[in-house]
Amino acid sequence: MPPFFHFGRGAETPDDVRAFRDRVEAEALEIVEWWDEPDYVSVKFRDPDGYVIEVSWEPE
């Protein structure tokens, strides 16, 4: 797959994304990218099969 390709899911709040990032770190999964801005919070991580998955929040 191309490197830019990833799966994603939206979160309801920025804190949901931050808490998810903590769980990803606790499971020792590779964090590919992390953003924490006022209008965008995102964590991209690699699942055990090597796919990149993003969980993010941004205002509607």
PDB file of N, CA and C in Angstrom:
ATOM      1  N   MET A   1       0.826  -1.185   0.000  1.00  0.00           N
ATOM      2  CA  MET A   1       0.000   0.000   0.000  1.00  0.00           C
ATOM      3  C   MET A   1       0.871   1.249   0.000  1.00  0.00           C
ATOM      4  N   PRO A   2       0.386   2.343  -0.583  1.00  0.00           N
ATOM      5  CA  PRO A   2       1.153   3.587  -0.560  1.00  0.00           C
ATOM      6  C   PRO A   2       1.331   4.070   0.882  1.00  0.00           C
ATOM      7  N   PRO A   3       2.436   4.725   1.190  1.00  0.00           N
ATOM      8  CA  PRO A   3       2.701   5.154   2.562  1.00  0.00           C
ATOM      9  C   PRO A   3       1.681   6.143   3.120  1.00  0.00           C
ATOM     10  N   PHE A   4       1.024   6.920   2.246  1.00  0.00           N
ATOM     11  CA  PHE A   4       0.049   7.904   2.732  1.00  0.00           C
ATOM     12  C   PHE A   4      -1.279   7.264   3.140  1.00  0.00           C
ATOM     13  N   PHE A   5      -1.524   6.028   2.713  1.00  0.00           N
ATOM     14  CA  PHE A   5      -2.808   5.382   2.957  1.00  0.00           C
ATOM     15  C   PHE A   5      -2.914   4.969   4.421  1.00  0.00           C
ATOM     16  N   HIS A   6      -4.090   5.258   5.017  1.00  0.00           N
ATOM     17  CA  HIS A   6      -4.337   4.822   6.387  1.00  0.00           C
ATOM     18  C   HIS A   6      -5.840   4.718   6.620  1.00  0.00           C
ATOM     19  N   PHE A   7      -6.202   3.984   7.646  1.00  0.00           N
ATOM     20  CA  PHE A   7      -7.582   3.874   8.084  1.00  0.00           C
ATOM     21  C   PHE A   7      -7.799   4.902   9.182  1.00  0.00           C
ATOM     22  N   GLY A   8      -9.033   5.360   9.384  1.00  0.00           N
ATOM     23  CA  GLY A   8      -9.256   6.372  10.403  1.00  0.00           C
ATOM     24  C   GLY A   8     -10.598   6.263  11.080  1.00  0.00           C
ATOM     25  N   ARG A   9     -10.660   6.918  12.221  1.00  0.00           N
ATOM     26  CA  ARG A   9     -11.888   6.973  13.002  1.00  0.00           C
ATOM     27  C   ARG A   9     -11.894   8.295  13.752  1.00  0.00           C
ATOM     28  N   GLY A  10     -13.038   8.943  13.819  1.00  0.00           N
ATOM     29  CA  GLY A  10     -13.173  10.192  14.553  1.00  0.00           C
ATOM     30  C   GLY A  10     -13.516   9.943  16.008  1.00  0.00           C
ATOM     31  N   ALA A  11     -13.016  10.797  16.868  1.00  0.00           N
ATOM     32  CA  ALA A  11     -13.322  10.732  18.298  1.00  0.00           C
ATOM     33  C   ALA A  11     -14.258  11.878  18.653  1.00  0.00           C
ATOM     34  N   GLU A  12     -14.944  11.758  19.783  1.00  0.00           N
ATOM     35  CA  GLU A  12     -15.902  12.788  20.181  1.00  0.00           C
ATOM     36  C   GLU A  12     -15.251  14.002  20.826  1.00  0.00           C
ATOM     37  N   THR A  13     -14.121  13.795  21.516  1.00  0.00           N
ATOM     38  CA  THR A  13     -13.455  14.909  22.186  1.00  0.00           C
ATOM     39  C   THR A  13     -11.942  14.794  22.010  1.00  0.00           C
ATOM     40  N   PRO A  14     -11.228  15.905  22.187  1.00  0.00           N
ATOM     41  CA  PRO A  14      -9.761  15.843  22.126  1.00  0.00           C
ATOM     42  C   PRO A  14      -9.195  14.917  23.204  1.00  0.00           C
ATOM     43  N   ASP A  15      -9.815  14.929  24.381  1.00  0.00           N
ATOM     44  CA  ASP A  15      -9.323  14.078  25.467  1.00  0.00           C
ATOM     45  C   ASP A  15      -9.495  12.596  25.150  1.00  0.00           C
ATOM     46  N   ASP A  16     -10.491  12.246  24.356  1.00  0.00           N
ATOM     47  CA  ASP A  16     -10.643  10.849  23.926  1.00  0.00           C
ATOM     48  C   ASP A  16      -9.426  10.413  23.111  1.00  0.00           C
ATOM     49  N   VAL A  17      -8.938  11.300  22.249  1.00  0.00           N
ATOM     50  CA  VAL A  17      -7.764  10.977  21.426  1.00  0.00           C
ATOM     51  C   VAL A  17      -6.533  10.860  22.315  1.00  0.00           C
ATOM     52  N   ARG A  18      -6.384  11.782  23.252  1.00  0.00           N
ATOM     53  CA  ARG A  18      -5.218  11.730  24.156  1.00  0.00           C
ATOM     54  C   ARG A  18      -5.225  10.446  24.983  1.00  0.00           C
ATOM     55  N   ALA A  19      -6.389  10.057  25.483  1.00  0.00           N
ATOM     56  CA  ALA A  19      -6.499   8.818  26.260  1.00  0.00           C
ATOM     57  C   ALA A  19      -6.201   7.602  25.382  1.00  0.00           C
ATOM     58  N   PHE A  20      -6.662   7.639  24.136  1.00  0.00           N
ATOM     59  CA  PHE A  20      -6.375   6.540  23.218  1.00  0.00           C
ATOM     60  C   PHE A  20      -4.876   6.444  22.948  1.00  0.00           C
ATOM     61  N   ARG A  21      -4.228   7.585  22.792  1.00  0.00           N
ATOM     62  CA  ARG A  21      -2.775   7.595  22.577  1.00  0.00           C
ATOM     63  C   ARG A  21      -2.062   6.941  23.759  1.00  0.00           C
ATOM     64  N   ASP A  22      -2.520   7.241  24.972  1.00  0.00           N
ATOM     65  CA  ASP A  22      -1.926   6.613  26.156  1.00  0.00           C
ATOM     66  C   ASP A  22      -2.074   5.095  26.108  1.00  0.00           C
ATOM     67  N   ARG A  23      -3.231   4.617  25.658  1.00  0.00           N
ATOM     68  CA  ARG A  23      -3.441   3.163  25.545  1.00  0.00           C
ATOM     69  C   ARG A  23      -2.535   2.554  24.476  1.00  0.00           C
ATOM     70  N   VAL A  24      -2.369   3.264  23.362  1.00  0.00           N
ATOM     71  CA  VAL A  24      -1.479   2.780  22.295  1.00  0.00           C
ATOM     72  C   VAL A  24      -0.053   2.651  22.836  1.00  0.00           C
ATOM     73  N   GLU A  25       0.396   3.664  23.562  1.00  0.00           N
ATOM     74  CA  GLU A  25       1.737   3.609  24.149  1.00  0.00           C
ATOM     75  C   GLU A  25       1.858   2.468  25.156  1.00  0.00           C
ATOM     76  N   ALA A  26       0.827   2.263  25.978  1.00  0.00           N
ATOM     77  CA  ALA A  26       0.853   1.197  26.982  1.00  0.00           C
ATOM     78  C   ALA A  26       0.935  -0.181  26.335  1.00  0.00           C
ATOM     79  N   GLU A  27       0.370  -0.316  25.146  1.00  0.00           N
ATOM     80  CA  GLU A  27       0.413  -1.583  24.414  1.00  0.00           C
ATOM     81  C   GLU A  27       1.701  -1.722  23.592  1.00  0.00           C
ATOM     82  N   ALA A  28       2.562  -0.709  23.677  1.00  0.00           N
ATOM     83  CA  ALA A  28       3.845  -0.698  22.964  1.00  0.00           C
ATOM     84  C   ALA A  28       3.681  -0.789  21.450  1.00  0.00           C
ATOM     85  N   LEU A  29       2.593  -0.189  20.925  1.00  0.00           N
ATOM     86  CA  LEU A  29       2.419  -0.106  19.483  1.00  0.00           C
ATOM     87  C   LEU A  29       3.189   1.111  18.968  1.00  0.00           C
ATOM     88  N   GLU A  30       3.628   1.051  17.739  1.00  0.00           N
ATOM     89  CA  GLU A  30       4.408   2.146  17.155  1.00  0.00           C
ATOM     90  C   GLU A  30       3.509   3.333  16.827  1.00  0.00           C
ATOM     91  N   ILE A  31       3.827   4.488  17.408  1.00  0.00           N
ATOM     92  CA  ILE A  31       3.133   5.726  17.050  1.00  0.00           C
ATOM     93  C   ILE A  31       3.849   6.302  15.841  1.00  0.00           C
ATOM     94  N   VAL A  32       3.085   6.487  14.761  1.00  0.00           N
ATOM     95  CA  VAL A  32       3.636   6.980  13.505  1.00  0.00           C
ATOM     96  C   VAL A  32       3.642   8.502  13.488  1.00  0.00           C
ATOM     97  N   GLU A  33       2.585   9.116  14.047  1.00  0.00           N
ATOM     98  CA  GLU A  33       2.445  10.570  14.015  1.00  0.00           C
ATOM     99  C   GLU A  33       1.522  10.996  15.146  1.00  0.00           C
ATOM    100  N   TRP A  34       1.796  12.165  15.740  1.00  0.00           N
ATOM    101  CA  TRP A  34       0.983  12.678  16.844  1.00  0.00           C
ATOM    102  C   TRP A  34       0.845  14.175  16.688  1.00  0.00           C
ATOM    103  N   TRP A  35      -0.392  14.666  16.713  1.00  0.00           N
ATOM    104  CA  TRP A  35      -0.673  16.099  16.631  1.00  0.00           C
ATOM    105  C   TRP A  35      -1.567  16.487  17.794  1.00  0.00           C
ATOM    106  N   ASP A  36      -1.287  17.618  18.426  1.00  0.00           N
ATOM    107  CA  ASP A  36      -2.143  18.123  19.499  1.00  0.00           C
ATOM    108  C   ASP A  36      -2.196  19.645  19.370  1.00  0.00           C
ATOM    109  N   GLU A  37      -3.116  20.096  18.545  1.00  0.00           N
ATOM    110  CA  GLU A  37      -3.319  21.514  18.263  1.00  0.00           C
ATOM    111  C   GLU A  37      -4.695  21.918  18.796  1.00  0.00           C
ATOM    112  N   PRO A  38      -4.974  23.215  18.944  1.00  0.00           N
ATOM    113  CA  PRO A  38      -6.284  23.630  19.458  1.00  0.00           C
ATOM    114  C   PRO A  38      -7.476  23.107  18.638  1.00  0.00           C
ATOM    115  N   ASP A  39      -7.319  23.012  17.316  1.00  0.00           N
ATOM    116  CA  ASP A  39      -8.433  22.587  16.469  1.00  0.00           C
ATOM    117  C   ASP A  39      -8.217  21.227  15.813  1.00  0.00           C
ATOM    118  N   TYR A  40      -7.238  20.460  16.281  1.00  0.00           N
ATOM    119  CA  TYR A  40      -6.994  19.146  15.687  1.00  0.00           C
ATOM    120  C   TYR A  40      -6.116  18.326  16.622  1.00  0.00           C
ATOM    121  N   VAL A  41      -6.614  17.162  17.005  1.00  0.00           N
ATOM    122  CA  VAL A  41      -5.841  16.231  17.823  1.00  0.00           C
ATOM    123  C   VAL A  41      -5.884  14.887  17.106  1.00  0.00           C
ATOM    124  N   SER A  42      -4.718  14.280  16.900  1.00  0.00           N
ATOM    125  CA  SER A  42      -4.661  13.054  16.119  1.00  0.00           C
ATOM    126  C   SER A  42      -3.505  12.182  16.576  1.00  0.00           C
ATOM    127  N   VAL A  43      -3.748  10.883  16.547  1.00  0.00           N
ATOM    128  CA  VAL A  43      -2.671   9.917  16.737  1.00  0.00           C
ATOM    129  C   VAL A  43      -2.786   8.893  15.617  1.00  0.00           C
ATOM    130  N   LYS A  44      -1.672   8.640  14.954  1.00  0.00           N
ATOM    131  CA  LYS A  44      -1.599   7.574  13.950  1.00  0.00           C
ATOM    132  C   LYS A  44      -0.652   6.524  14.498  1.00  0.00           C
ATOM    133  N   PHE A  45      -1.076   5.274  14.447  1.00  0.00           N
ATOM    134  CA  PHE A  45      -0.244   4.195  14.958  1.00  0.00           C
ATOM    135  C   PHE A  45      -0.303   3.017  14.007  1.00  0.00           C
ATOM    136  N   ARG A  46       0.663   2.142  14.146  1.00  0.00           N
ATOM    137  CA  ARG A  46       0.740   0.958  13.295  1.00  0.00           C
ATOM    138  C   ARG A  46       0.168  -0.228  14.073  1.00  0.00           C
ATOM    139  N   ASP A  47      -0.828  -0.903  13.491  1.00  0.00           N
ATOM    140  CA  ASP A  47      -1.406  -2.076  14.145  1.00  0.00           C
ATOM    141  C   ASP A  47      -0.460  -3.271  13.984  1.00  0.00           C
ATOM    142  N   PRO A  48      -0.727  -4.381  14.671  1.00  0.00           N
ATOM    143  CA  PRO A  48       0.192  -5.531  14.596  1.00  0.00           C
ATOM    144  C   PRO A  48       0.411  -6.068  13.181  1.00  0.00           C
ATOM    145  N   ASP A  49      -0.533  -5.811  12.262  1.00  0.00           N
ATOM    146  CA  ASP A  49      -0.359  -6.263  10.879  1.00  0.00           C
ATOM    147  C   ASP A  49       0.395  -5.249  10.023  1.00  0.00           C
ATOM    148  N   GLY A  50       0.746  -4.099  10.604  1.00  0.00           N
ATOM    149  CA  GLY A  50       1.516  -3.095   9.882  1.00  0.00           C
ATOM    150  C   GLY A  50       0.699  -1.982   9.248  1.00  0.00           C
ATOM    151  N   TYR A  51      -0.633  -2.036   9.379  1.00  0.00           N
ATOM    152  CA  TYR A  51      -1.479  -0.983   8.817  1.00  0.00           C
ATOM    153  C   TYR A  51      -1.451   0.254   9.713  1.00  0.00           C
ATOM    154  N   VAL A  52      -1.493   1.436   9.108  1.00  0.00           N
ATOM    155  CA  VAL A  52      -1.548   2.677   9.869  1.00  0.00           C
ATOM    156  C   VAL A  52      -3.007   3.041  10.106  1.00  0.00           C
ATOM    157  N   ILE A  53      -3.322   3.323  11.368  1.00  0.00           N
ATOM    158  CA  ILE A  53      -4.674   3.678  11.777  1.00  0.00           C
ATOM    159  C   ILE A  53      -4.613   5.025  12.486  1.00  0.00           C
ATOM    160  N   GLU A  54      -5.569   5.883  12.180  1.00  0.00           N
ATOM    161  CA  GLU A  54      -5.625   7.209  12.796  1.00  0.00           C
ATOM    162  C   GLU A  54      -6.897   7.338  13.613  1.00  0.00           C
ATOM    163  N   VAL A  55      -6.756   7.898  14.808  1.00  0.00           N
ATOM    164  CA  VAL A  55      -7.895   8.331  15.627  1.00  0.00           C
ATOM    165  C   VAL A  55      -7.703   9.833  15.800  1.00  0.00           C
ATOM    166  N   SER A  56      -8.740  10.610  15.447  1.00  0.00           N
ATOM    167  CA  SER A  56      -8.580  12.049  15.461  1.00  0.00           C
ATOM    168  C   SER A  56      -9.842  12.753  15.908  1.00  0.00           C
ATOM    169  N   TRP A  57      -9.678  14.011  16.257  1.00  0.00           N
ATOM    170  CA  TRP A  57     -10.789  14.903  16.605  1.00  0.00           C
ATOM    171  C   TRP A  57     -10.517  16.250  15.970  1.00  0.00           C
ATOM    172  N   GLU A  58     -11.570  16.878  15.474  1.00  0.00           N
ATOM    173  CA  GLU A  58     -11.524  18.278  15.054  1.00  0.00           C
ATOM    174  C   GLU A  58     -12.925  18.833  15.195  1.00  0.00           C
ATOM    175  N   PRO A  59     -13.050  20.140  15.453  1.00  0.00           N
ATOM    176  CA  PRO A  59     -14.390  20.717  15.631  1.00  0.00           C
ATOM    177  C   PRO A  59     -15.213  20.593  14.360  1.00  0.00           C
ATOM    178  N   GLU A  60     -16.502  20.478  14.557  1.00  0.00           N
ATOM    179  CA  GLU A  60     -17.392  20.368  13.383  1.00  0.00           C
ATOM    180  C   GLU A  60     -17.679  21.693  12.762  1.00  0.00           C
TER     181      GLU A  60
END
